[in-house]
C-alpha atoms as a PDB file:
ATOM      1  CA  MET A   1      -0.785 -64.896   9.803  1.00  0.00           C
ATOM      2  CA  SER A   2       2.086 -63.562   7.258  1.00  0.00           C
ATOM      3  CA  MET A   3      -0.396 -62.231   4.892  1.00  0.00           C
ATOM      4  CA  VAL A   4      -1.780 -59.493   6.776  1.00  0.00           C
ATOM      5  CA  PRO A   5       1.379 -57.363   7.346  1.00  0.00           C
ATOM      6  CA  PHE A   6       1.785 -57.984   3.141  1.00  0.00           C
ATOM      7  CA  LEU A   7      -1.602 -56.783   2.739  1.00  0.00           C
ATOM      8  CA  ALA A   8      -1.313 -53.702   5.274  1.00  0.00           C
ATOM      9  CA  SER A   9       2.116 -52.426   3.523  1.00  0.00           C
ATOM     10  CA  LEU A  10       0.464 -52.496   0.358  1.00  0.00           C
ATOM     11  CA  VAL A  11      -2.688 -50.440   1.730  1.00  0.00           C
ATOM     12  CA  MET A  12       0.150 -48.102   3.150  1.00  0.00           C
ATOM     13  CA  ALA A  13       2.038 -48.069  -0.079  1.00  0.00           C
ATOM     14  CA  GLY A  14      -1.068 -47.360  -2.125  1.00  0.00           C
ATOM     15  CA  ALA A  15      -2.688 -44.848  -0.125  1.00  0.00           C
ATOM     16  CA  GLY A  16       0.799 -43.077  -0.693  1.00  0.00           C
ATOM     17  CA  CYS A  17       0.658 -43.225  -4.109  1.00  0.00           C
ATOM     18  CA  VAL A  18      -2.646 -41.843  -4.270  1.00  0.00           C
ATOM     19  CA  ALA A  19      -2.005 -38.932  -2.173  1.00  0.00           C
ATOM     20  CA  PHE A  20       1.020 -38.245  -4.364  1.00  0.00           C
ATOM     21  CA  ALA A  21      -1.319 -38.589  -7.651  1.00  0.00           C
ATOM     22  CA  ALA A  22      -3.672 -35.986  -5.830  1.00  0.00           C
ATOM     23  CA  ILE A  23      -0.846 -33.416  -5.168  1.00  0.00           C
ATOM     24  CA  VAL A  24       0.518 -33.834  -8.713  1.00  0.00           C
ATOM     25  CA  VAL A  25      -2.924 -33.319 -10.446  1.00  0.00           C
ATOM     26  CA  THR A  26      -3.600 -29.985  -7.774  1.00  0.00           C
ATOM     27  CA  VAL A  27      -0.381 -28.562  -8.682  1.00  0.00           C
ATOM     28  CA  ARG A  28      -0.913 -28.911 -12.333  1.00  0.00           C
ATOM     29  CA  GLY A  29      -4.708 -27.554 -11.863  1.00  0.00           C
ATOM     30  CA  GLN A  30      -3.292 -24.546 -10.374  1.00  0.00           C
ATOM     31  CA  LEU A  31      -0.185 -23.867 -12.695  1.00  0.00           C
ATOM     32  CA  PRO A  32      -1.915 -21.051 -14.627  1.00  0.00           C
ATOM     33  CA  ALA A  33      -2.698 -19.345 -11.373  1.00  0.00           C
ATOM     34  CA  VAL A  34       0.836 -19.734 -10.200  1.00  0.00           C
ATOM     35  CA  ARG A  35       1.986 -18.253 -13.503  1.00  0.00           C
ATOM     36  CA  ARG A  36      -0.061 -15.425 -12.882  1.00  0.00           C
ATOM     37  CA  LEU A  37       0.940 -14.605  -9.270  1.00  0.00           C
ATOM     38  CA  LEU A  38       4.730 -14.851 -10.583  1.00  0.00           C
ATOM     39  CA  ALA A  39       3.967 -12.360 -13.665  1.00  0.00           C
ATOM     40  CA  GLU A  40       2.351  -9.902 -11.256  1.00  0.00           C
ATOM     41  CA  SER A  41       5.121 -10.390  -8.645  1.00  0.00           C
ATOM     42  CA  ARG A  42       7.573  -9.190 -11.397  1.00  0.00           C
ATOM     43  CA  ALA A  43       5.371  -6.447 -12.478  1.00  0.00           C
ATOM     44  CA  ILE A  44       5.493  -5.085  -9.040  1.00  0.00           C
ATOM     45  CA  SER A  45       8.488  -5.240  -8.675  1.00  0.00           C
ATOM     46  CA  ALA A  46       9.386  -3.577 -12.057  1.00  0.00           C
ATOM     47  CA  ASP A  47       7.025  -0.785 -10.930  1.00  0.00           C
ATOM     48  CA  ARG A  48       8.600  -0.283  -7.508  1.00  0.00           C
ATOM     49  CA  GLN A  49      12.071   0.147  -9.446  1.00  0.00           C
ATOM     50  CA  PHE A  50      10.610   2.537 -11.423  1.00  0.00           C
ATOM     51  CA  LEU A  51       9.129   4.605  -8.666  1.00  0.00           C
ATOM     52  CA  VAL A  52      12.577   4.562  -6.729  1.00  0.00           C
ATOM     53  CA  GLN A  53      14.189   6.059 -10.282  1.00  0.00           C
ATOM     54  CA  ILE A  54      11.452   8.737 -10.516  1.00  0.00           C
ATOM     55  CA  THR A  55      11.407   9.813  -6.742  1.00  0.00           C
ATOM     56  CA  GLY A  56      15.263   9.092  -6.019  1.00  0.00           C
ATOM     57  CA  VAL A  57      16.715  11.077  -8.633  1.00  0.00           C
ATOM     58  CA  SER A  58      15.598  14.666  -7.750  1.00  0.00           C
ATOM     59  CA  ALA A  59      15.121  16.269  -4.551  1.00  0.00           C
ATOM     60  CA  PRO A  60      11.987  17.882  -3.725  1.00  0.00           C
ATOM     61  CA  VAL A  61      11.639  21.346  -4.916  1.00  0.00           C
ATOM     62  CA  GLY A  62      10.433  23.810  -2.381  1.00  0.00           C
ATOM     63  CA  PRO A  63       7.854  26.630  -3.212  1.00  0.00           C
ATOM     64  CA  ARG A  64       8.950  29.450  -5.638  1.00  0.00           C
ATOM     65  CA  THR A  65       7.301  32.246  -3.588  1.00  0.00           C
ATOM     66  CA  ALA A  66       7.809  33.217  -0.095  1.00  0.00           C
ATOM     67  CA  ILE A  67       4.778  32.269   1.765  1.00  0.00           C
ATOM     68  CA  ARG A  68       4.436  35.185   4.621  1.00  0.00           C
ATOM     69  CA  PRO A  69       2.098  34.232   7.594  1.00  0.00           C
ATOM     70  CA  ARG A  70      -0.859  36.500   7.831  1.00  0.00           C
ATOM     71  CA  ARG A  71      -1.110  39.404  10.759  1.00  0.00           C
ATOM     72  CA  ALA A  72      -4.120  38.755  13.180  1.00  0.00           C
ATOM     73  CA  PRO A  73      -5.932  42.173  13.814  1.00  0.00           C
ATOM     74  CA  VAL A  74      -4.955  43.879  16.917  1.00  0.00           C
ATOM     75  CA  ARG A  75      -7.686  45.289  18.821  1.00  0.00           C
ATOM     76  CA  VAL A  76      -7.570  48.489  20.684  1.00  0.00           C
ATOM     77  CA  VAL A  77     -10.048  49.452  23.592  1.00  0.00           C
ATOM     78  CA  GLY A  78     -11.167  52.961  23.345  1.00  0.00           C
ATOM     79  CA  ALA A  79     -12.206  55.059  26.200  1.00  0.00           C
ATOM     80  CA  ALA A  80     -15.625  53.994  26.239  1.00  0.00           C
ATOM     81  CA  GLY A  81     -14.425  50.284  26.435  1.00  0.00           C
ATOM     82  CA  ALA A  82     -15.360  49.292  22.641  1.00  0.00           C
ATOM     83  CA  SER A  83     -12.741  47.449  20.514  1.00  0.00           C
ATOM     84  CA  VAL A  84     -11.513  48.969  17.519  1.00  0.00           C
ATOM     85  CA  THR A  85      -9.910  46.924  14.716  1.00  0.00           C
ATOM     86  CA  THR A  86      -6.785  48.665  13.646  1.00  0.00           C
ATOM     87  CA  ALA A  87      -5.382  46.108  10.977  1.00  0.00           C
ATOM     88  CA  ARG A  88      -7.682  47.008   8.051  1.00  0.00           C
ATOM     89  CA  PRO A  89      -9.830  49.572   7.070  1.00  0.00           C
ATOM     90  CA  LEU A  90     -13.537  48.596   6.655  1.00  0.00           C
ATOM     91  CA  ARG A  91     -14.983  48.239   3.115  1.00  0.00           C
ATOM     92  CA  ALA A  92     -18.502  48.258   2.125  1.00  0.00           C
ATOM     93  CA  ALA A  93     -20.261  45.288   0.395  1.00  0.00           C
ATOM     94  CA  ALA A  94     -20.623  45.729  -3.343  1.00  0.00           C
END
């Protein structure tokens, strides 16, 4: 009867070793992908620092010319009830 617990402990230790070996093999297989992810993370960080540099140094520049609002035409109602536009004269189509 003393052999059963010993065999059970050997099976458990063997299963632990197999699990550890599977973890090591998986990590070694994925090592190039992990290196690429770390390199991409460094590149993104450098890009972020560059963007902060170029956008943080100078304040945004406003428009150089003044923008005037466009006036709406004024309608005047004549004696006959017809509306007449007085904002701009009419032009003939070319």
